[in-house]
Amino acid sequence: MKTPTRIDPSARLTFSASRPSPLEYYGAATVLQTEPGRVYLEMPDAYTWAELATGWFYEPSPGDRVLAIGGANGWFVIGVLECGETCRVTLPGSLEVSAPAGSISLRSTEEVTIRGKALRFYARDVELVAQKIWERCDSLVQKVRGALRLDAGTTEHRITGDSAVHAGSIRTTSVGDMKLRGKTINLN
């Protein structure tokens, strides 16, 4: 097997359809630089530009380890061995992940971030288990057709504006003292 020579990074790939060239290299390479549709690779004894042939969803980054193949008629990246710091998958349209006969699990030793204009969950049951939950929003509307139940050790509500409760009837029970504080308390 012939070892590829060093190639000028500014050179463009050229192809000859007259006859196939012998394969000069098939193996691991490291991405050093990226451009749309191609990457600059470091191989054991050479550097070269290579076209991406991995599919339209892989977005290369410097530091990625890829599977490269090439010869006189061109160099190509045909697989991804290991992503560097971040592995990016870019899709030109919508994405649907389906497991019709099983479940889907996302795992991370760090955080999982989801960003979008809207986030919707459709499920028969939703269970959220966490040590701490922080919710921040401009407004929150909850609509419950059945019962809304809160089981907690203690609760505290801090409301800077007005607070109103509208109900058919209200029952408040305390096993200890009940205190109402206010500038005026109207019971009518």
N, C-alpha and C. Protein backbone atom coordinates (compact mmCIF):
# COMPACT_ATOMS: atom_id res chain seq x y z
N MET A 1 0.85 -1.18 0.00
CA MET A 1 0.00 0.00 0.00
C MET A 1 0.89 1.23 0.00
N LYS A 2 0.61 2.15 -0.87
CA LYS A 2 1.38 3.37 -1.01
C LYS A 2 0.89 4.41 0.00
N THR A 3 1.81 5.08 0.66
CA THR A 3 1.45 6.10 1.64
C THR A 3 1.13 7.39 0.91
N PRO A 4 0.00 8.07 1.26
CA PRO A 4 -0.35 9.31 0.57
C PRO A 4 0.66 10.41 0.86
N THR A 5 0.86 11.27 -0.10
CA THR A 5 1.78 12.38 0.08
C THR A 5 1.04 13.57 0.66
N ARG A 6 1.78 14.54 1.17
CA ARG A 6 1.16 15.74 1.73
C ARG A 6 0.55 16.55 0.59
N ILE A 7 -0.68 17.01 0.82
CA ILE A 7 -1.43 17.73 -0.20
C ILE A 7 -1.65 19.15 0.26
N ASP A 8 -1.54 20.09 -0.68
CA ASP A 8 -1.76 21.50 -0.39
C ASP A 8 -3.20 21.71 0.09
N PRO A 9 -3.41 22.33 1.29
CA PRO A 9 -4.77 22.51 1.80
C PRO A 9 -5.66 23.35 0.89
N SER A 10 -5.09 24.21 0.06
CA SER A 10 -5.92 25.04 -0.81
C SER A 10 -6.29 24.32 -2.11
N ALA A 11 -5.73 23.14 -2.33
CA ALA A 11 -6.02 22.40 -3.56
C ALA A 11 -7.43 21.82 -3.53
N ARG A 12 -8.06 21.77 -4.68
CA ARG A 12 -9.38 21.17 -4.82
C ARG A 12 -9.22 19.74 -5.29
N LEU A 13 -10.17 18.89 -4.91
CA LEU A 13 -10.14 17.51 -5.35
C LEU A 13 -10.49 17.43 -6.83
N THR A 14 -9.77 16.59 -7.56
CA THR A 14 -10.08 16.39 -8.97
C THR A 14 -10.36 14.91 -9.20
N PHE A 15 -11.20 14.62 -10.15
CA PHE A 15 -11.60 13.24 -10.40
C PHE A 15 -11.36 12.89 -11.86
N SER A 16 -11.02 11.66 -12.10
CA SER A 16 -10.85 11.15 -13.45
C SER A 16 -11.73 9.92 -13.61
N ALA A 17 -12.61 9.95 -14.58
CA ALA A 17 -13.52 8.83 -14.79
C ALA A 17 -12.95 7.81 -15.76
N SER A 18 -11.76 8.07 -16.31
CA SER A 18 -11.21 7.18 -17.32
C SER A 18 -10.92 5.78 -16.77
N ARG A 19 -10.28 5.69 -15.64
CA ARG A 19 -10.04 4.39 -15.02
C ARG A 19 -9.87 4.59 -13.52
N PRO A 20 -10.29 3.62 -12.75
CA PRO A 20 -10.17 3.77 -11.30
C PRO A 20 -8.71 3.75 -10.85
N SER A 21 -8.42 4.53 -9.81
CA SER A 21 -7.06 4.55 -9.28
C SER A 21 -6.97 3.56 -8.13
N PRO A 22 -5.78 3.07 -7.84
CA PRO A 22 -5.64 2.14 -6.72
C PRO A 22 -5.90 2.87 -5.40
N LEU A 23 -6.43 2.14 -4.44
CA LEU A 23 -6.67 2.68 -3.12
C LEU A 23 -5.34 2.91 -2.42
N GLU A 24 -5.12 4.14 -1.93
CA GLU A 24 -3.86 4.45 -1.28
C GLU A 24 -3.95 4.40 0.24
N TYR A 25 -5.15 4.66 0.79
CA TYR A 25 -5.29 4.66 2.24
C TYR A 25 -6.71 4.33 2.62
N TYR A 26 -6.84 3.54 3.68
CA TYR A 26 -8.13 3.22 4.28
C TYR A 26 -7.89 3.09 5.76
N GLY A 27 -8.36 4.07 6.54
CA GLY A 27 -8.10 4.00 7.98
C GLY A 27 -8.53 5.26 8.70
N ALA A 28 -8.07 5.36 9.93
CA ALA A 28 -8.45 6.47 10.81
C ALA A 28 -7.75 7.76 10.42
N ALA A 29 -8.46 8.87 10.63
CA ALA A 29 -7.90 10.21 10.39
C ALA A 29 -8.55 11.16 11.39
N THR A 30 -7.89 12.28 11.64
CA THR A 30 -8.40 13.29 12.56
C THR A 30 -8.77 14.54 11.79
N VAL A 31 -9.95 15.08 12.08
CA VAL A 31 -10.41 16.31 11.43
C VAL A 31 -9.67 17.49 12.05
N LEU A 32 -9.01 18.29 11.20
CA LEU A 32 -8.31 19.48 11.66
C LEU A 32 -9.07 20.76 11.34
N GLN A 33 -9.77 20.76 10.21
CA GLN A 33 -10.46 21.96 9.75
C GLN A 33 -11.69 21.53 8.95
N THR A 34 -12.72 22.37 8.96
CA THR A 34 -13.94 22.02 8.21
C THR A 34 -14.34 23.14 7.28
N GLU A 35 -14.95 22.76 6.18
CA GLU A 35 -15.59 23.66 5.22
C GLU A 35 -16.87 22.96 4.79
N PRO A 36 -17.83 23.68 4.23
CA PRO A 36 -19.05 23.00 3.79
C PRO A 36 -18.76 21.86 2.82
N GLY A 37 -19.15 20.65 3.23
CA GLY A 37 -19.00 19.48 2.37
C GLY A 37 -17.65 18.80 2.38
N ARG A 38 -16.67 19.37 3.10
CA ARG A 38 -15.37 18.72 3.13
C ARG A 38 -14.62 19.05 4.41
N VAL A 39 -13.59 18.25 4.70
CA VAL A 39 -12.78 18.42 5.90
C VAL A 39 -11.30 18.28 5.55
N TYR A 40 -10.47 18.93 6.35
CA TYR A 40 -9.02 18.78 6.21
C TYR A 40 -8.57 17.76 7.25
N LEU A 41 -7.94 16.68 6.80
CA LEU A 41 -7.62 15.54 7.65
C LEU A 41 -6.14 15.40 7.93
N GLU A 42 -5.85 14.88 9.10
CA GLU A 42 -4.50 14.44 9.45
C GLU A 42 -4.53 12.92 9.52
N MET A 43 -3.68 12.28 8.70
CA MET A 43 -3.55 10.83 8.70
C MET A 43 -2.16 10.51 9.25
N PRO A 44 -1.81 9.25 9.43
CA PRO A 44 -0.51 8.94 10.03
C PRO A 44 0.68 9.62 9.35
N ASP A 45 0.69 9.70 8.01
CA ASP A 45 1.84 10.29 7.32
C ASP A 45 1.45 11.36 6.31
N ALA A 46 0.26 11.91 6.42
CA ALA A 46 -0.17 12.87 5.40
C ALA A 46 -1.31 13.74 5.91
N TYR A 47 -1.51 14.84 5.19
CA TYR A 47 -2.64 15.75 5.40
C TYR A 47 -3.34 15.93 4.07
N THR A 48 -4.67 15.95 4.08
CA THR A 48 -5.39 16.13 2.82
C THR A 48 -6.82 16.60 3.08
N TRP A 49 -7.41 17.20 2.06
CA TRP A 49 -8.83 17.53 2.08
C TRP A 49 -9.60 16.30 1.64
N ALA A 50 -10.76 16.07 2.25
CA ALA A 50 -11.59 14.93 1.88
C ALA A 50 -13.05 15.36 1.86
N GLU A 51 -13.80 14.79 0.91
CA GLU A 51 -15.23 15.06 0.84
C GLU A 51 -15.98 14.21 1.84
N LEU A 52 -17.08 14.76 2.37
CA LEU A 52 -17.91 14.00 3.30
C LEU A 52 -18.82 13.06 2.53
N ALA A 53 -18.77 11.78 2.88
CA ALA A 53 -19.64 10.77 2.28
C ALA A 53 -20.30 9.96 3.39
N THR A 54 -20.59 10.64 4.51
CA THR A 54 -21.14 9.96 5.69
C THR A 54 -22.65 10.09 5.78
N GLY A 55 -23.26 10.84 4.91
CA GLY A 55 -24.67 11.14 5.02
C GLY A 55 -24.83 12.62 5.35
N TRP A 56 -26.01 13.15 5.10
CA TRP A 56 -26.21 14.59 5.22
C TRP A 56 -26.38 15.06 6.65
N PHE A 57 -26.45 14.18 7.65
CA PHE A 57 -26.74 14.60 9.01
C PHE A 57 -25.51 14.85 9.87
N TYR A 58 -24.35 14.33 9.51
CA TYR A 58 -23.15 14.49 10.34
C TYR A 58 -22.51 15.85 10.10
N GLU A 59 -22.30 16.60 11.17
CA GLU A 59 -21.66 17.91 11.10
C GLU A 59 -20.29 17.80 11.76
N PRO A 60 -19.21 17.74 10.98
CA PRO A 60 -17.88 17.49 11.55
C PRO A 60 -17.37 18.67 12.37
N SER A 61 -16.49 18.36 13.31
CA SER A 61 -15.83 19.37 14.13
C SER A 61 -14.36 19.00 14.26
N PRO A 62 -13.48 19.99 14.41
CA PRO A 62 -12.08 19.67 14.65
C PRO A 62 -11.93 18.76 15.87
N GLY A 63 -11.10 17.74 15.72
CA GLY A 63 -10.88 16.78 16.79
C GLY A 63 -11.63 15.48 16.58
N ASP A 64 -12.61 15.45 15.68
CA ASP A 64 -13.33 14.21 15.40
C ASP A 64 -12.38 13.20 14.76
N ARG A 65 -12.54 11.92 15.11
CA ARG A 65 -11.80 10.84 14.45
C ARG A 65 -12.75 10.18 13.47
N VAL A 66 -12.32 10.10 12.21
CA VAL A 66 -13.17 9.59 11.15
C VAL A 66 -12.49 8.46 10.40
N LEU A 67 -13.27 7.75 9.61
CA LEU A 67 -12.75 6.70 8.74
C LEU A 67 -12.60 7.30 7.35
N ALA A 68 -11.35 7.35 6.85
CA ALA A 68 -11.06 7.97 5.56
C ALA A 68 -10.62 6.92 4.55
N ILE A 69 -10.94 7.20 3.30
CA ILE A 69 -10.54 6.32 2.21
C ILE A 69 -10.16 7.22 1.04
N GLY A 70 -9.12 6.83 0.31
CA GLY A 70 -8.75 7.70 -0.80
C GLY A 70 -7.61 7.19 -1.64
N GLY A 71 -7.40 7.97 -2.70
CA GLY A 71 -6.35 7.69 -3.65
C GLY A 71 -6.24 8.86 -4.60
N ALA A 72 -5.66 8.62 -5.76
CA ALA A 72 -5.42 9.69 -6.73
C ALA A 72 -6.71 10.33 -7.23
N ASN A 73 -7.81 9.60 -7.22
CA ASN A 73 -9.08 10.14 -7.71
C ASN A 73 -9.89 10.86 -6.64
N GLY A 74 -9.38 10.98 -5.45
CA GLY A 74 -10.09 11.72 -4.42
C GLY A 74 -10.06 11.05 -3.06
N TRP A 75 -10.37 11.85 -2.05
CA TRP A 75 -10.39 11.39 -0.67
C TRP A 75 -11.79 11.58 -0.12
N PHE A 76 -12.24 10.63 0.72
CA PHE A 76 -13.59 10.67 1.25
C PHE A 76 -13.61 10.25 2.71
N VAL A 77 -14.49 10.86 3.47
CA VAL A 77 -14.78 10.43 4.84
C VAL A 77 -16.03 9.56 4.74
N ILE A 78 -15.90 8.28 5.13
CA ILE A 78 -17.02 7.35 4.98
C ILE A 78 -17.58 6.87 6.31
N GLY A 79 -17.05 7.36 7.41
CA GLY A 79 -17.56 6.95 8.72
C GLY A 79 -17.04 7.83 9.82
N VAL A 80 -17.69 7.78 10.96
CA VAL A 80 -17.28 8.54 12.14
C VAL A 80 -16.89 7.54 13.22
N LEU A 81 -15.64 7.60 13.68
CA LEU A 81 -15.16 6.68 14.70
C LEU A 81 -15.39 7.25 16.10
N GLU A 82 -15.15 8.54 16.26
CA GLU A 82 -15.28 9.17 17.58
C GLU A 82 -15.44 10.66 17.40
N CYS A 83 -16.41 11.24 18.08
CA CYS A 83 -16.59 12.69 18.03
C CYS A 83 -15.64 13.34 19.03
N GLY A 84 -15.21 14.55 18.70
CA GLY A 84 -14.34 15.29 19.61
C GLY A 84 -15.12 15.77 20.81
N GLU A 85 -15.12 17.07 21.04
CA GLU A 85 -15.81 17.63 22.21
C GLU A 85 -17.32 17.49 22.11
N THR A 86 -17.89 17.80 20.95
CA THR A 86 -19.34 17.72 20.75
C THR A 86 -19.63 17.05 19.42
N CYS A 87 -20.50 16.07 19.44
CA CYS A 87 -20.92 15.42 18.20
C CYS A 87 -22.23 16.07 17.77
N ARG A 88 -22.24 16.66 16.58
CA ARG A 88 -23.42 17.37 16.10
C ARG A 88 -24.09 16.58 14.98
N VAL A 89 -25.40 16.52 15.06
CA VAL A 89 -26.21 15.93 14.01
C VAL A 89 -27.15 17.03 13.54
N THR A 90 -27.06 17.40 12.28
CA THR A 90 -27.87 18.48 11.72
C THR A 90 -28.80 17.90 10.67
N LEU A 91 -30.07 18.23 10.80
CA LEU A 91 -31.07 17.73 9.87
C LEU A 91 -31.68 18.91 9.12
N PRO A 92 -31.90 18.78 7.83
CA PRO A 92 -32.46 19.89 7.06
C PRO A 92 -33.96 20.09 7.28
N GLY A 93 -34.62 19.13 7.89
CA GLY A 93 -36.07 19.23 8.10
C GLY A 93 -36.45 18.69 9.45
N SER A 94 -37.64 18.14 9.54
CA SER A 94 -38.16 17.60 10.80
C SER A 94 -37.51 16.25 11.11
N LEU A 95 -37.59 15.86 12.38
CA LEU A 95 -37.06 14.58 12.83
C LEU A 95 -38.13 13.87 13.64
N GLU A 96 -38.34 12.61 13.37
CA GLU A 96 -39.24 11.78 14.17
C GLU A 96 -38.46 10.56 14.61
N VAL A 97 -38.45 10.33 15.92
CA VAL A 97 -37.81 9.14 16.48
C VAL A 97 -38.94 8.24 16.95
N SER A 98 -38.95 7.01 16.48
CA SER A 98 -40.05 6.11 16.78
C SER A 98 -39.52 4.77 17.26
N ALA A 99 -40.18 4.23 18.27
CA ALA A 99 -39.89 2.88 18.75
C ALA A 99 -41.23 2.16 18.92
N PRO A 100 -41.84 1.71 17.81
CA PRO A 100 -43.19 1.15 17.88
C PRO A 100 -43.29 -0.10 18.74
N ALA A 101 -42.22 -0.81 18.97
CA ALA A 101 -42.28 -2.03 19.77
C ALA A 101 -41.45 -1.93 21.04
N GLY A 102 -41.06 -0.71 21.42
CA GLY A 102 -40.20 -0.58 22.61
C GLY A 102 -40.26 0.81 23.19
N SER A 103 -39.23 1.18 23.92
CA SER A 103 -39.18 2.49 24.57
C SER A 103 -37.97 3.27 24.06
N ILE A 104 -37.94 4.56 24.36
CA ILE A 104 -36.84 5.44 23.98
C ILE A 104 -36.24 6.01 25.26
N SER A 105 -34.93 5.97 25.37
CA SER A 105 -34.25 6.46 26.56
C SER A 105 -33.15 7.41 26.16
N LEU A 106 -33.09 8.59 26.78
CA LEU A 106 -32.00 9.54 26.59
C LEU A 106 -31.23 9.60 27.90
N ARG A 107 -29.91 9.44 27.83
CA ARG A 107 -29.09 9.44 29.04
C ARG A 107 -27.90 10.38 28.88
N SER A 108 -27.53 11.00 29.98
CA SER A 108 -26.36 11.86 29.98
C SER A 108 -25.80 11.90 31.40
N THR A 109 -24.47 11.92 31.52
CA THR A 109 -23.88 12.10 32.84
C THR A 109 -23.92 13.57 33.25
N GLU A 110 -24.16 14.44 32.28
CA GLU A 110 -24.30 15.87 32.55
C GLU A 110 -25.75 16.26 32.31
N GLU A 111 -26.01 17.46 31.87
CA GLU A 111 -27.38 17.92 31.69
C GLU A 111 -27.92 17.59 30.30
N VAL A 112 -29.23 17.57 30.18
CA VAL A 112 -29.92 17.42 28.91
C VAL A 112 -30.69 18.72 28.67
N THR A 113 -30.45 19.37 27.55
CA THR A 113 -31.08 20.65 27.23
C THR A 113 -31.94 20.48 25.99
N ILE A 114 -33.18 20.97 26.05
CA ILE A 114 -34.08 20.95 24.91
C ILE A 114 -34.49 22.39 24.65
N ARG A 115 -34.31 22.86 23.40
CA ARG A 115 -34.66 24.23 23.05
C ARG A 115 -35.58 24.22 21.84
N GLY A 116 -36.56 25.10 21.87
CA GLY A 116 -37.47 25.22 20.74
C GLY A 116 -38.53 26.26 21.04
N LYS A 117 -39.31 26.62 20.03
CA LYS A 117 -40.38 27.60 20.22
C LYS A 117 -41.47 27.04 21.12
N ALA A 118 -41.74 25.76 21.04
CA ALA A 118 -42.78 25.12 21.86
C ALA A 118 -42.33 23.72 22.23
N LEU A 119 -42.77 23.24 23.37
CA LEU A 119 -42.47 21.89 23.83
C LEU A 119 -43.80 21.27 24.26
N ARG A 120 -44.17 20.16 23.65
CA ARG A 120 -45.44 19.51 23.94
C ARG A 120 -45.20 18.06 24.34
N PHE A 121 -45.91 17.64 25.37
CA PHE A 121 -45.89 16.24 25.79
C PHE A 121 -47.29 15.69 25.64
N TYR A 122 -47.45 14.55 24.99
CA TYR A 122 -48.72 13.86 24.90
C TYR A 122 -48.49 12.47 25.47
N ALA A 123 -49.12 12.19 26.60
CA ALA A 123 -48.94 10.90 27.24
C ALA A 123 -50.13 10.59 28.13
N ARG A 124 -50.37 9.31 28.38
CA ARG A 124 -51.41 8.91 29.32
C ARG A 124 -50.96 9.23 30.74
N ASP A 125 -49.71 8.95 31.06
CA ASP A 125 -49.15 9.23 32.39
C ASP A 125 -47.82 9.95 32.23
N VAL A 126 -47.56 10.92 33.11
CA VAL A 126 -46.28 11.62 33.14
C VAL A 126 -45.77 11.56 34.57
N GLU A 127 -44.55 11.09 34.75
CA GLU A 127 -43.93 11.04 36.07
C GLU A 127 -42.61 11.80 36.01
N LEU A 128 -42.43 12.72 36.92
CA LEU A 128 -41.20 13.52 36.99
C LEU A 128 -40.59 13.29 38.37
N VAL A 129 -39.37 12.78 38.41
CA VAL A 129 -38.69 12.50 39.67
C VAL A 129 -37.41 13.32 39.70
N ALA A 130 -37.27 14.16 40.73
CA ALA A 130 -36.08 15.00 40.84
C ALA A 130 -35.86 15.38 42.31
N GLN A 131 -34.64 15.76 42.66
CA GLN A 131 -34.37 16.26 44.01
C GLN A 131 -34.84 17.70 44.16
N LYS A 132 -34.77 18.48 43.08
CA LYS A 132 -35.17 19.88 43.13
C LYS A 132 -35.71 20.28 41.76
N ILE A 133 -36.80 21.04 41.75
CA ILE A 133 -37.38 21.53 40.50
C ILE A 133 -37.52 23.04 40.59
N TRP A 134 -36.98 23.75 39.61
CA TRP A 134 -37.13 25.21 39.51
C TRP A 134 -37.92 25.48 38.25
N GLU A 135 -39.00 26.24 38.39
CA GLU A 135 -39.81 26.63 37.24
C GLU A 135 -39.81 28.14 37.15
N ARG A 136 -39.51 28.68 35.95
CA ARG A 136 -39.55 30.12 35.72
C ARG A 136 -40.33 30.37 34.44
N CYS A 137 -41.31 31.28 34.51
CA CYS A 137 -42.08 31.60 33.31
C CYS A 137 -42.78 32.94 33.51
N ASP A 138 -43.28 33.51 32.43
CA ASP A 138 -44.02 34.76 32.51
C ASP A 138 -45.44 34.53 33.00
N SER A 139 -46.05 33.43 32.60
CA SER A 139 -47.39 33.10 33.10
C SER A 139 -47.53 31.58 33.10
N LEU A 140 -48.40 31.09 33.98
CA LEU A 140 -48.62 29.65 34.11
C LEU A 140 -50.11 29.41 34.24
N VAL A 141 -50.66 28.58 33.38
CA VAL A 141 -52.06 28.20 33.43
C VAL A 141 -52.11 26.69 33.57
N GLN A 142 -52.83 26.22 34.59
CA GLN A 142 -53.02 24.79 34.78
C GLN A 142 -54.52 24.50 34.72
N LYS A 143 -54.92 23.57 33.89
CA LYS A 143 -56.32 23.18 33.81
C LYS A 143 -56.41 21.70 34.17
N VAL A 144 -57.19 21.43 35.22
CA VAL A 144 -57.34 20.06 35.70
C VAL A 144 -58.82 19.74 35.72
N ARG A 145 -59.24 18.71 34.99
CA ARG A 145 -60.66 18.34 34.96
C ARG A 145 -61.09 17.64 36.25
N GLY A 146 -60.23 16.81 36.79
CA GLY A 146 -60.55 16.08 38.02
C GLY A 146 -60.00 16.81 39.23
N ALA A 147 -59.44 16.06 40.16
CA ALA A 147 -58.91 16.64 41.40
C ALA A 147 -57.46 17.06 41.24
N LEU A 148 -57.10 18.16 41.88
CA LEU A 148 -55.71 18.62 41.98
C LEU A 148 -55.30 18.45 43.42
N ARG A 149 -54.31 17.62 43.66
CA ARG A 149 -53.91 17.31 45.04
C ARG A 149 -52.44 17.62 45.20
N LEU A 150 -52.09 18.25 46.30
CA LEU A 150 -50.70 18.58 46.63
C LEU A 150 -50.38 17.96 47.97
N ASP A 151 -49.41 17.05 48.01
CA ASP A 151 -48.91 16.48 49.26
C ASP A 151 -47.52 17.07 49.48
N ALA A 152 -47.36 17.82 50.57
CA ALA A 152 -46.07 18.48 50.82
C ALA A 152 -45.81 18.57 52.31
N GLY A 153 -44.54 18.66 52.67
CA GLY A 153 -44.17 18.88 54.07
C GLY A 153 -44.62 20.25 54.52
N THR A 154 -44.30 21.29 53.76
CA THR A 154 -44.76 22.65 54.01
C THR A 154 -44.99 23.32 52.66
N THR A 155 -45.80 24.38 52.66
CA THR A 155 -45.98 25.18 51.46
C THR A 155 -45.85 26.64 51.83
N GLU A 156 -45.39 27.44 50.89
CA GLU A 156 -45.28 28.88 51.08
C GLU A 156 -45.58 29.55 49.75
N HIS A 157 -46.45 30.54 49.78
CA HIS A 157 -46.81 31.28 48.57
C HIS A 157 -46.40 32.73 48.79
N ARG A 158 -45.58 33.27 47.92
CA ARG A 158 -45.21 34.69 47.97
C ARG A 158 -45.78 35.34 46.73
N ILE A 159 -46.74 36.21 46.91
CA ILE A 159 -47.44 36.85 45.80
C ILE A 159 -47.30 38.36 45.97
N THR A 160 -46.71 39.02 44.99
CA THR A 160 -46.49 40.47 45.10
C THR A 160 -47.73 41.27 44.76
N GLY A 161 -48.62 40.71 43.94
CA GLY A 161 -49.85 41.40 43.56
C GLY A 161 -51.04 40.84 44.32
N ASP A 162 -52.20 40.91 43.72
CA ASP A 162 -53.42 40.39 44.34
C ASP A 162 -53.48 38.88 44.22
N SER A 163 -54.28 38.28 45.10
CA SER A 163 -54.52 36.85 45.06
C SER A 163 -56.01 36.62 45.21
N ALA A 164 -56.59 35.77 44.39
CA ALA A 164 -58.02 35.49 44.46
C ALA A 164 -58.25 33.99 44.33
N VAL A 165 -59.22 33.49 45.11
CA VAL A 165 -59.62 32.10 45.03
C VAL A 165 -61.12 32.10 44.78
N HIS A 166 -61.56 31.45 43.73
CA HIS A 166 -62.98 31.34 43.41
C HIS A 166 -63.34 29.85 43.49
N ALA A 167 -64.32 29.52 44.32
CA ALA A 167 -64.69 28.12 44.50
C ALA A 167 -66.15 28.01 44.87
N GLY A 168 -66.72 26.83 44.64
CA GLY A 168 -68.10 26.55 45.08
C GLY A 168 -68.17 26.59 46.60
N SER A 169 -67.21 25.98 47.25
CA SER A 169 -67.10 26.06 48.71
C SER A 169 -65.64 25.87 49.07
N ILE A 170 -65.26 26.37 50.23
CA ILE A 170 -63.87 26.27 50.69
C ILE A 170 -63.89 25.71 52.11
N ARG A 171 -63.05 24.72 52.34
CA ARG A 171 -62.90 24.17 53.68
C ARG A 171 -61.41 24.20 54.01
N THR A 172 -61.07 24.82 55.08
CA THR A 172 -59.69 24.87 55.55
C THR A 172 -59.65 24.26 56.94
N THR A 173 -58.79 23.29 57.13
CA THR A 173 -58.69 22.60 58.42
C THR A 173 -57.26 22.70 58.92
N SER A 174 -57.11 22.99 60.19
CA SER A 174 -55.79 23.07 60.80
C SER A 174 -55.81 22.31 62.11
N VAL A 175 -54.81 21.47 62.36
CA VAL A 175 -54.73 20.77 63.64
C VAL A 175 -54.12 21.69 64.70
N GLY A 176 -53.48 22.76 64.28
CA GLY A 176 -52.92 23.74 65.21
C GLY A 176 -53.62 25.08 65.04
N ASP A 177 -52.91 26.14 65.38
CA ASP A 177 -53.46 27.48 65.27
C ASP A 177 -53.62 27.88 63.82
N MET A 178 -54.53 28.78 63.54
CA MET A 178 -54.70 29.39 62.22
C MET A 178 -54.59 30.89 62.41
N LYS A 179 -53.73 31.53 61.64
CA LYS A 179 -53.53 32.97 61.78
C LYS A 179 -53.86 33.66 60.47
N LEU A 180 -54.59 34.75 60.56
CA LEU A 180 -54.87 35.62 59.43
C LEU A 180 -54.33 36.99 59.78
N ARG A 181 -53.45 37.54 58.94
CA ARG A 181 -52.89 38.86 59.20
C ARG A 181 -53.18 39.74 58.01
N GLY A 182 -53.54 40.96 58.28
CA GLY A 182 -53.80 41.91 57.21
C GLY A 182 -54.15 43.26 57.77
N LYS A 183 -54.06 44.28 56.95
CA LYS A 183 -54.43 45.63 57.39
C LYS A 183 -55.88 45.63 57.81
N THR A 184 -56.73 45.05 56.98
CA THR A 184 -58.13 44.82 57.36
C THR A 184 -58.53 43.44 56.88
N ILE A 185 -59.37 42.79 57.62
CA ILE A 185 -59.90 41.48 57.24
C ILE A 185 -61.40 41.60 57.20
N ASN A 186 -62.00 41.42 56.03
CA ASN A 186 -63.43 41.53 55.86
C ASN A 186 -64.01 40.13 55.76
N LEU A 187 -64.94 39.81 56.66
CA LEU A 187 -65.62 38.53 56.63
C LEU A 187 -67.09 38.83 56.34
N ASN A 188 -67.52 38.75 55.12
CA ASN A 188 -68.92 38.99 54.79
C ASN A 188 -69.37 38.13 53.64
